[in-house]
C-alpha atoms as a PDB file:
ATOM      1  CA  UNK A   1      37.819  38.491 196.185  1.00  0.00           C
ATOM      2  CA  UNK A   2      39.134  41.540 198.313  1.00  0.00           C
ATOM      3  CA  UNK A   3      42.839  41.280 199.010  1.00  0.00           C
ATOM      4  CA  UNK A   4      44.619  42.332 202.400  1.00  0.00           C
ATOM      5  CA  UNK A   5      48.195  43.641 201.927  1.00  0.00           C
ATOM      6  CA  UNK A   6      50.473  41.326 204.069  1.00  0.00           C
ATOM      7  CA  UNK A   7      52.937  43.953 204.205  1.00  0.00           C
ATOM      8  CA  UNK A   8      53.674  44.688 207.808  1.00  0.00           C
ATOM      9  CA  UNK A   9      53.808  48.202 209.394  1.00  0.00           C
ATOM     10  CA  UNK A  10      55.590  48.865 211.720  1.00  0.00           C
ATOM     11  CA  UNK A  11      54.903  52.484 213.893  1.00  0.00           C
ATOM     12  CA  UNK A  12      57.545  54.612 215.178  1.00  0.00           C
ATOM     13  CA  UNK A  13      57.467  57.655 217.369  1.00  0.00           C
ATOM     14  CA  UNK A  14      55.883  60.268 215.042  1.00  0.00           C
ATOM     15  CA  UNK A  15      59.211  62.031 215.974  1.00  0.00           C
ATOM     16  CA  UNK A  16      61.768  59.627 214.775  1.00  0.00           C
ATOM     17  CA  UNK A  17      59.762  59.102 212.002  1.00  0.00           C
ATOM     18  CA  UNK A  18      61.057  59.687 207.917  1.00  0.00           C
ATOM     19  CA  UNK A  19      59.171  61.464 205.359  1.00  0.00           C
ATOM     20  CA  UNK A  20      58.958  57.952 203.523  1.00  0.00           C
ATOM     21  CA  UNK A  21      57.761  56.481 206.783  1.00  0.00           C
ATOM     22  CA  UNK A  22      54.596  59.293 206.746  1.00  0.00           C
ATOM     23  CA  UNK A  23      54.386  58.406 202.994  1.00  0.00           C
ATOM     24  CA  UNK A  24      53.518  54.482 203.733  1.00  0.00           C
ATOM     25  CA  UNK A  25      51.264  55.667 206.776  1.00  0.00           C
ATOM     26  CA  UNK A  26      49.104  57.311 204.371  1.00  0.00           C
ATOM     27  CA  UNK A  27      49.215  54.941 201.528  1.00  0.00           C
ATOM     28  CA  UNK A  28      48.083  52.293 203.529  1.00  0.00           C
ATOM     29  CA  UNK A  29      45.078  53.812 205.051  1.00  0.00           C
ATOM     30  CA  UNK A  30      44.095  55.150 201.486  1.00  0.00           C
ATOM     31  CA  UNK A  31      43.941  51.153 200.265  1.00  0.00           C
ATOM     32  CA  UNK A  32      42.035  50.044 203.333  1.00  0.00           C
ATOM     33  CA  UNK A  33      39.010  53.602 203.389  1.00  0.00           C
ATOM     34  CA  UNK A  34      38.894  51.988 200.107  1.00  0.00           C
ATOM     35  CA  UNK A  35      38.730  48.755 200.986  1.00  0.00           C
ATOM     36  CA  UNK A  36      36.230  50.178 203.697  1.00  0.00           C
ATOM     37  CA  UNK A  37      34.146  51.907 201.185  1.00  0.00           C
ATOM     38  CA  UNK A  38      34.573  48.651 198.612  1.00  0.00           C
ATOM     39  CA  UNK A  39      32.873  46.429 202.258  1.00  0.00           C
ATOM     40  CA  UNK A  40      30.160  48.727 203.226  1.00  0.00           C
ATOM     41  CA  UNK A  41      28.843  48.987 199.243  1.00  0.00           C
ATOM     42  CA  UNK A  42      28.953  45.258 198.921  1.00  0.00           C
ATOM     43  CA  UNK A  43      26.552  45.143 202.605  1.00  0.00           C
ATOM     44  CA  UNK A  44      24.331  47.832 201.343  1.00  0.00           C
ATOM     45  CA  UNK A  45      23.362  45.878 198.708  1.00  0.00           C
ATOM     46  CA  UNK A  46      23.292  42.791 200.640  1.00  0.00           C
ATOM     47  CA  UNK A  47      20.734  44.728 203.111  1.00  0.00           C
ATOM     48  CA  UNK A  48      18.661  46.031 200.031  1.00  0.00           C
ATOM     49  CA  UNK A  49      18.005  42.963 198.871  1.00  0.00           C
ATOM     50  CA  UNK A  50      17.215  41.321 202.544  1.00  0.00           C
ATOM     51  CA  UNK A  51      16.584  43.674 205.297  1.00  0.00           C
ATOM     52  CA  UNK A  52      19.141  44.850 207.942  1.00  0.00           C
ATOM     53  CA  UNK A  53      22.077  42.920 209.903  1.00  0.00           C
ATOM     54  CA  UNK A  54      22.063  42.597 212.864  1.00  0.00           C
ATOM     55  CA  UNK A  55      25.989  42.315 215.193  1.00  0.00           C
ATOM     56  CA  UNK A  56      26.148  42.022 219.061  1.00  0.00           C
ATOM     57  CA  UNK A  57      26.074  45.655 219.303  1.00  0.00           C
ATOM     58  CA  UNK A  58      25.739  47.151 215.592  1.00  0.00           C
ATOM     59  CA  UNK A  59      22.711  47.287 213.360  1.00  0.00           C
ATOM     60  CA  UNK A  60      23.205  47.671 209.725  1.00  0.00           C
ATOM     61  CA  UNK A  61      20.591  49.444 208.065  1.00  0.00           C
ATOM     62  CA  UNK A  62      19.316  52.144 206.022  1.00  0.00           C
ATOM     63  CA  UNK A  63      18.469  54.703 208.456  1.00  0.00           C
ATOM     64  CA  UNK A  64      16.730  58.418 207.365  1.00  0.00           C
ATOM     65  CA  UNK A  65      17.448  61.770 208.307  1.00  0.00           C
ATOM     66  CA  UNK A  66      16.151  64.541 207.796  1.00  0.00           C
ATOM     67  CA  UNK A  67      16.647  67.907 206.698  1.00  0.00           C
ATOM     68  CA  UNK A  68      14.422  71.553 205.117  1.00  0.00           C
ATOM     69  CA  UNK A  69      14.760  73.371 203.018  1.00  0.00           C
ATOM     70  CA  UNK A  70      12.828  76.353 202.761  1.00  0.00           C
ATOM     71  CA  UNK A  71      11.625  78.841 200.276  1.00  0.00           C
ATOM     72  CA  UNK A  72      12.822  82.389 200.924  1.00  0.00           C
ATOM     73  CA  UNK A  73       9.169  83.516 201.440  1.00  0.00           C
ATOM     74  CA  UNK A  74       8.893  80.363 203.961  1.00  0.00           C
ATOM     75  CA  UNK A  75      12.382  81.635 205.682  1.00  0.00           C
ATOM     76  CA  UNK A  76      10.868  84.949 206.101  1.00  0.00           C
ATOM     77  CA  UNK A  77       7.813  83.743 207.628  1.00  0.00           C
ATOM     78  CA  UNK A  78       8.724  81.429 209.588  1.00  0.00           C
ATOM     79  CA  UNK A  79      11.280  84.081 211.087  1.00  0.00           C
ATOM     80  CA  UNK A  80       8.120  86.234 212.030  1.00  0.00           C
ATOM     81  CA  UNK A  81       6.476  83.589 213.260  1.00  0.00           C
ATOM     82  CA  UNK A  82      10.448  83.513 215.726  1.00  0.00           C
ATOM     83  CA  UNK A  83       9.551  87.268 217.074  1.00  0.00           C
ATOM     84  CA  UNK A  84       6.061  86.255 217.316  1.00  0.00           C
ATOM     85  CA  UNK A  85       7.160  83.783 219.681  1.00  0.00           C
ATOM     86  CA  UNK A  86       9.447  86.404 221.786  1.00  0.00           C
ATOM     87  CA  UNK A  87      12.691  85.609 220.236  1.00  0.00           C
ATOM     88  CA  UNK A  88      15.107  86.856 218.633  1.00  0.00           C
ATOM     89  CA  UNK A  89      15.532  85.053 215.190  1.00  0.00           C
ATOM     90  CA  UNK A  90      19.299  85.976 214.241  1.00  0.00           C
ATOM     91  CA  UNK A  91      19.831  83.544 217.574  1.00  0.00           C
ATOM     92  CA  UNK A  92      18.516  80.667 215.267  1.00  0.00           C
ATOM     93  CA  UNK A  93      18.757  80.968 212.288  1.00  0.00           C
ATOM     94  CA  UNK A  94      22.196  81.156 209.847  1.00  0.00           C
ATOM     95  CA  UNK A  95      24.316  82.038 206.952  1.00  0.00           C
ATOM     96  CA  UNK A  96      25.636  78.630 205.905  1.00  0.00           C
ATOM     97  CA  UNK A  97      28.970  78.969 203.480  1.00  0.00           C
ATOM     98  CA  UNK A  98      27.586  77.877 200.709  1.00  0.00           C
ATOM     99  CA  UNK A  99      24.614  80.638 200.941  1.00  0.00           C
ATOM    100  CA  UNK A 100      26.963  82.596 201.051  1.00  0.00           C
ATOM    101  CA  UNK A 101      29.161  81.949 198.729  1.00  0.00           C
ATOM    102  CA  UNK A 102      26.673  82.220 195.384  1.00  0.00           C
ATOM    103  CA  UNK A 103      26.745  85.638 196.615  1.00  0.00           C
ATOM    104  CA  UNK A 104      30.027  86.353 195.288  1.00  0.00           C
ATOM    105  CA  UNK A 105      30.919  88.207 197.740  1.00  0.00           C
ATOM    106  CA  UNK A 106      34.603  88.566 199.165  1.00  0.00           C
ATOM    107  CA  UNK A 107      35.861  86.925 202.387  1.00  0.00           C
ATOM    108  CA  UNK A 108      36.559  91.083 203.309  1.00  0.00           C
ATOM    109  CA  UNK A 109      33.218  91.765 202.043  1.00  0.00           C
ATOM    110  CA  UNK A 110      31.476  89.450 204.619  1.00  0.00           C
ATOM    111  CA  UNK A 111      34.368  90.019 206.865  1.00  0.00           C
ATOM    112  CA  UNK A 112      32.655  93.510 207.720  1.00  0.00           C
ATOM    113  CA  UNK A 113      29.089  91.577 209.174  1.00  0.00           C
ATOM    114  CA  UNK A 114      30.638  88.520 210.829  1.00  0.00           C
ATOM    115  CA  UNK A 115      33.754  86.834 212.078  1.00  0.00           C
ATOM    116  CA  UNK A 116      35.593  84.389 210.341  1.00  0.00           C
ATOM    117  CA  UNK A 117      35.679  80.676 212.135  1.00  0.00           C
ATOM    118  CA  UNK A 118      38.151  78.191 210.604  1.00  0.00           C
ATOM    119  CA  UNK A 119      38.016  74.482 211.862  1.00  0.00           C
ATOM    120  CA  UNK A 120      40.332  71.858 210.623  1.00  0.00           C
ATOM    121  CA  UNK A 121      40.039  68.630 210.417  1.00  0.00           C
ATOM    122  CA  UNK A 122      42.501  65.667 210.019  1.00  0.00           C
ATOM    123  CA  UNK A 123      41.646  64.067 206.813  1.00  0.00           C
ATOM    124  CA  UNK A 124      42.591  62.590 203.499  1.00  0.00           C
ATOM    125  CA  UNK A 125      42.314  65.009 199.970  1.00  0.00           C
ATOM    126  CA  UNK A 126      42.527  64.455 196.280  1.00  0.00           C
ATOM    127  CA  UNK A 127      45.263  66.938 194.656  1.00  0.00           C
ATOM    128  CA  UNK A 128      44.635  69.036 192.265  1.00  0.00           C
ATOM    129  CA  UNK A 129      45.373  69.334 188.575  1.00  0.00           C
END
């Protein structure tokens, strides 16, 4: 059984909020996200046993996604095929953060060859330590 907190939450104008108000909202979001995660896991198990669940406008099911894993030789041959087709391979191939991190090079070194593009997303993250 999943219990929901019934404690009301008053949303104030952010300019009028205190740090305690913000902490209360953050804790409520964490609580709800944990609940949603648990509900999704429960529904996933049902779908695995019984098949898709359809609501009025949504289908809950396991949908495939595809990604490609290239060998070093495959990367080389793929780049060559792009070039043979008359296109610049570097317009299509990029360097992932994970691959660049594996090099062990500093941001300063990589920065000599590429522009650093930092994006920010609002999300929660576990505290370190």
